């Protein structure tokens, strides 16, 4: 078996409405929690691919700070180009393996993970 990298086999990136912090905040409230303000939140998406989902979130929350990490450098690069074309200054996409995540990323109000069931 060959060890293929994420760059060699890109995966589908979609928008997942269920991961939007507005929905997460509503669910938290229904469960009796007091969620952080969504409008100005710090959001982290783990395994963001090319950032499609996170970019969609960032467009609806211009005052939020949206961070995405993924091990696929080519997909991160494509997402960075897309965010630049859309002039989104509140999106940061970083090529990073989950095992490399540490406190240097800071604290986040919402952490999301989306996956496609093909």
C-alpha atoms as a PDB file:
ATOM      1  CA  UNK A   1       0.000   0.000   0.000  1.00  0.00           C
ATOM      2  CA  UNK A   2       1.284   3.450  -0.930  1.00  0.00           C
ATOM      3  CA  UNK A   3       1.350   6.276   1.585  1.00  0.00           C
ATOM      4  CA  UNK A   4      -0.574   9.011  -0.190  1.00  0.00           C
ATOM      5  CA  UNK A   5      -0.736  12.541   1.123  1.00  0.00           C
ATOM      6  CA  UNK A   6      -3.829  14.715   1.333  1.00  0.00           C
ATOM      7  CA  UNK A   7      -2.355  16.824  -1.465  1.00  0.00           C
ATOM      8  CA  UNK A   8      -2.415  13.826  -3.798  1.00  0.00           C
ATOM      9  CA  UNK A   9      -6.072  12.995  -3.137  1.00  0.00           C
ATOM     10  CA  UNK A  10      -8.055  16.182  -2.533  1.00  0.00           C
ATOM     11  CA  UNK A  11     -11.411  15.716  -0.872  1.00  0.00           C
ATOM     12  CA  UNK A  12     -14.712  17.446  -1.406  1.00  0.00           C
ATOM     13  CA  UNK A  13     -15.276  20.736   0.418  1.00  0.00           C
ATOM     14  CA  UNK A  14     -18.851  21.862   0.940  1.00  0.00           C
ATOM     15  CA  UNK A  15     -20.822  24.301   3.067  1.00  0.00           C
ATOM     16  CA  UNK A  16     -22.362  22.632   6.141  1.00  0.00           C
ATOM     17  CA  UNK A  17     -25.117  24.833   7.556  1.00  0.00           C
ATOM     18  CA  UNK A  18     -25.208  22.745  10.741  1.00  0.00           C
ATOM     19  CA  UNK A  19     -21.717  23.973  11.666  1.00  0.00           C
ATOM     20  CA  UNK A  20     -22.523  27.692  11.528  1.00  0.00           C
ATOM     21  CA  UNK A  21     -21.900  29.263  14.947  1.00  0.00           C
ATOM     22  CA  UNK A  22     -25.376  30.850  14.870  1.00  0.00           C
ATOM     23  CA  UNK A  23     -26.901  27.369  14.905  1.00  0.00           C
ATOM     24  CA  UNK A  24     -24.455  26.163  17.545  1.00  0.00           C
ATOM     25  CA  UNK A  25     -25.281  29.162  19.759  1.00  0.00           C
ATOM     26  CA  UNK A  26     -29.012  28.496  19.432  1.00  0.00           C
ATOM     27  CA  UNK A  27     -28.522  24.855  20.392  1.00  0.00           C
ATOM     28  CA  UNK A  28     -26.363  25.847  23.341  1.00  0.00           C
ATOM     29  CA  UNK A  29     -29.047  28.268  24.530  1.00  0.00           C
ATOM     30  CA  UNK A  30     -31.731  25.584  24.221  1.00  0.00           C
ATOM     31  CA  UNK A  31     -29.600  23.365  26.456  1.00  0.00           C
ATOM     32  CA  UNK A  32     -29.349  26.082  29.101  1.00  0.00           C
ATOM     33  CA  UNK A  33     -25.863  27.323  28.274  1.00  0.00           C
ATOM     34  CA  UNK A  34     -24.750  30.895  27.667  1.00  0.00           C
ATOM     35  CA  UNK A  35     -22.782  30.790  24.409  1.00  0.00           C
ATOM     36  CA  UNK A  36     -20.229  33.429  23.407  1.00  0.00           C
ATOM     37  CA  UNK A  37     -21.427  36.214  21.120  1.00  0.00           C
ATOM     38  CA  UNK A  38     -21.320  34.812  17.603  1.00  0.00           C
ATOM     39  CA  UNK A  39     -20.891  38.160  15.855  1.00  0.00           C
ATOM     40  CA  UNK A  40     -17.397  38.763  17.288  1.00  0.00           C
ATOM     41  CA  UNK A  41     -16.364  35.185  18.024  1.00  0.00           C
ATOM     42  CA  UNK A  42     -13.161  33.317  17.267  1.00  0.00           C
ATOM     43  CA  UNK A  43     -13.971  30.239  15.188  1.00  0.00           C
ATOM     44  CA  UNK A  44     -11.682  27.312  14.397  1.00  0.00           C
ATOM     45  CA  UNK A  45     -12.447  24.668  11.806  1.00  0.00           C
ATOM     46  CA  UNK A  46     -10.353  21.521  12.041  1.00  0.00           C
ATOM     47  CA  UNK A  47      -9.832  19.740   8.731  1.00  0.00           C
ATOM     48  CA  UNK A  48     -11.172  22.690   6.745  1.00  0.00           C
ATOM     49  CA  UNK A  49      -9.974  21.478   3.331  1.00  0.00           C
ATOM     50  CA  UNK A  50     -10.004  24.454   0.982  1.00  0.00           C
ATOM     51  CA  UNK A  51     -11.965  26.502   3.511  1.00  0.00           C
ATOM     52  CA  UNK A  52     -15.270  26.461   1.622  1.00  0.00           C
ATOM     53  CA  UNK A  53     -17.335  26.038   4.799  1.00  0.00           C
ATOM     54  CA  UNK A  54     -15.297  28.506   6.835  1.00  0.00           C
ATOM     55  CA  UNK A  55     -15.265  31.105   4.054  1.00  0.00           C
ATOM     56  CA  UNK A  56     -19.059  30.935   3.900  1.00  0.00           C
ATOM     57  CA  UNK A  57     -19.199  31.494   7.667  1.00  0.00           C
ATOM     58  CA  UNK A  58     -16.723  34.382   7.456  1.00  0.00           C
ATOM     59  CA  UNK A  59     -18.844  36.099   4.815  1.00  0.00           C
ATOM     60  CA  UNK A  60     -21.821  36.124   7.190  1.00  0.00           C
ATOM     61  CA  UNK A  61     -19.782  37.169  10.238  1.00  0.00           C
ATOM     62  CA  UNK A  62     -17.417  39.956   9.121  1.00  0.00           C
ATOM     63  CA  UNK A  63     -16.441  40.849  12.717  1.00  0.00           C
ATOM     64  CA  UNK A  64     -15.556  37.260  13.642  1.00  0.00           C
ATOM     65  CA  UNK A  65     -12.072  35.793  13.347  1.00  0.00           C
ATOM     66  CA  UNK A  66     -12.242  32.564  11.357  1.00  0.00           C
ATOM     67  CA  UNK A  67      -9.331  30.141  11.423  1.00  0.00           C
ATOM     68  CA  UNK A  68      -9.045  26.907   9.487  1.00  0.00           C
ATOM     69  CA  UNK A  69      -6.376  24.252   9.571  1.00  0.00           C
ATOM     70  CA  UNK A  70      -5.802  21.278   7.326  1.00  0.00           C
ATOM     71  CA  UNK A  71      -2.913  18.977   6.472  1.00  0.00           C
ATOM     72  CA  UNK A  72      -3.551  19.442   2.726  1.00  0.00           C
ATOM     73  CA  UNK A  73      -1.264  22.284   1.688  1.00  0.00           C
ATOM     74  CA  UNK A  74      -2.705  22.559  -1.845  1.00  0.00           C
ATOM     75  CA  UNK A  75      -6.260  22.846  -0.537  1.00  0.00           C
ATOM     76  CA  UNK A  76      -5.244  25.454   2.029  1.00  0.00           C
ATOM     77  CA  UNK A  77      -3.491  27.393  -0.722  1.00  0.00           C
ATOM     78  CA  UNK A  78      -6.646  27.273  -2.894  1.00  0.00           C
ATOM     79  CA  UNK A  79      -8.721  28.515   0.045  1.00  0.00           C
ATOM     80  CA  UNK A  80      -6.281  31.333   0.760  1.00  0.00           C
ATOM     81  CA  UNK A  81      -6.577  32.426  -2.871  1.00  0.00           C
ATOM     82  CA  UNK A  82     -10.381  32.297  -2.665  1.00  0.00           C
ATOM     83  CA  UNK A  83     -10.457  34.351   0.552  1.00  0.00           C
ATOM     84  CA  UNK A  84      -8.119  36.880  -1.040  1.00  0.00           C
ATOM     85  CA  UNK A  85     -10.316  37.167  -4.146  1.00  0.00           C
ATOM     86  CA  UNK A  86     -13.341  37.728  -1.907  1.00  0.00           C
ATOM     87  CA  UNK A  87     -11.364  40.294   0.120  1.00  0.00           C
ATOM     88  CA  UNK A  88     -12.089  38.496   3.380  1.00  0.00           C
ATOM     89  CA  UNK A  89      -9.664  39.770   5.990  1.00  0.00           C
ATOM     90  CA  UNK A  90     -11.285  37.720   8.760  1.00  0.00           C
ATOM     91  CA  UNK A  91     -10.207  34.309   7.392  1.00  0.00           C
ATOM     92  CA  UNK A  92      -6.882  32.662   8.203  1.00  0.00           C
ATOM     93  CA  UNK A  93      -6.185  29.270   6.645  1.00  0.00           C
ATOM     94  CA  UNK A  94      -3.098  27.438   7.782  1.00  0.00           C
ATOM     95  CA  UNK A  95      -1.534  24.187   6.566  1.00  0.00           C
ATOM     96  CA  UNK A  96      -1.179  22.275   9.794  1.00  0.00           C
ATOM     97  CA  UNK A  97      -1.494  18.687  10.914  1.00  0.00           C
ATOM     98  CA  UNK A  98      -3.777  18.100  13.899  1.00  0.00           C
ATOM     99  CA  UNK A  99      -0.839  16.688  15.843  1.00  0.00           C
ATOM    100  CA  UNK A 100       0.884  20.089  15.492  1.00  0.00           C
ATOM    101  CA  UNK A 101      -1.935  22.099  17.059  1.00  0.00           C
ATOM    102  CA  UNK A 102      -0.835  23.853  20.226  1.00  0.00           C
ATOM    103  CA  UNK A 103      -1.711  26.879  22.350  1.00  0.00           C
ATOM    104  CA  UNK A 104      -0.084  29.255  19.850  1.00  0.00           C
ATOM    105  CA  UNK A 105      -3.381  29.330  17.906  1.00  0.00           C
ATOM    106  CA  UNK A 106      -5.057  30.887  20.927  1.00  0.00           C
ATOM    107  CA  UNK A 107      -8.491  30.329  22.436  1.00  0.00           C
ATOM    108  CA  UNK A 108     -11.597  29.842  20.310  1.00  0.00           C
ATOM    109  CA  UNK A 109     -15.272  30.353  21.068  1.00  0.00           C
ATOM    110  CA  UNK A 110     -16.452  27.804  18.513  1.00  0.00           C
ATOM    111  CA  UNK A 111     -14.538  24.798  17.198  1.00  0.00           C
ATOM    112  CA  UNK A 112     -16.085  22.934  14.319  1.00  0.00           C
ATOM    113  CA  UNK A 113     -15.289  19.813  12.369  1.00  0.00           C
ATOM    114  CA  UNK A 114     -17.229  19.027   9.242  1.00  0.00           C
ATOM    115  CA  UNK A 115     -17.007  15.947   7.136  1.00  0.00           C
ATOM    116  CA  UNK A 116     -18.581  14.683   3.987  1.00  0.00           C
ATOM    117  CA  UNK A 117     -20.330  11.347   3.918  1.00  0.00           C
ATOM    118  CA  UNK A 118     -20.094  10.442   0.271  1.00  0.00           C
END
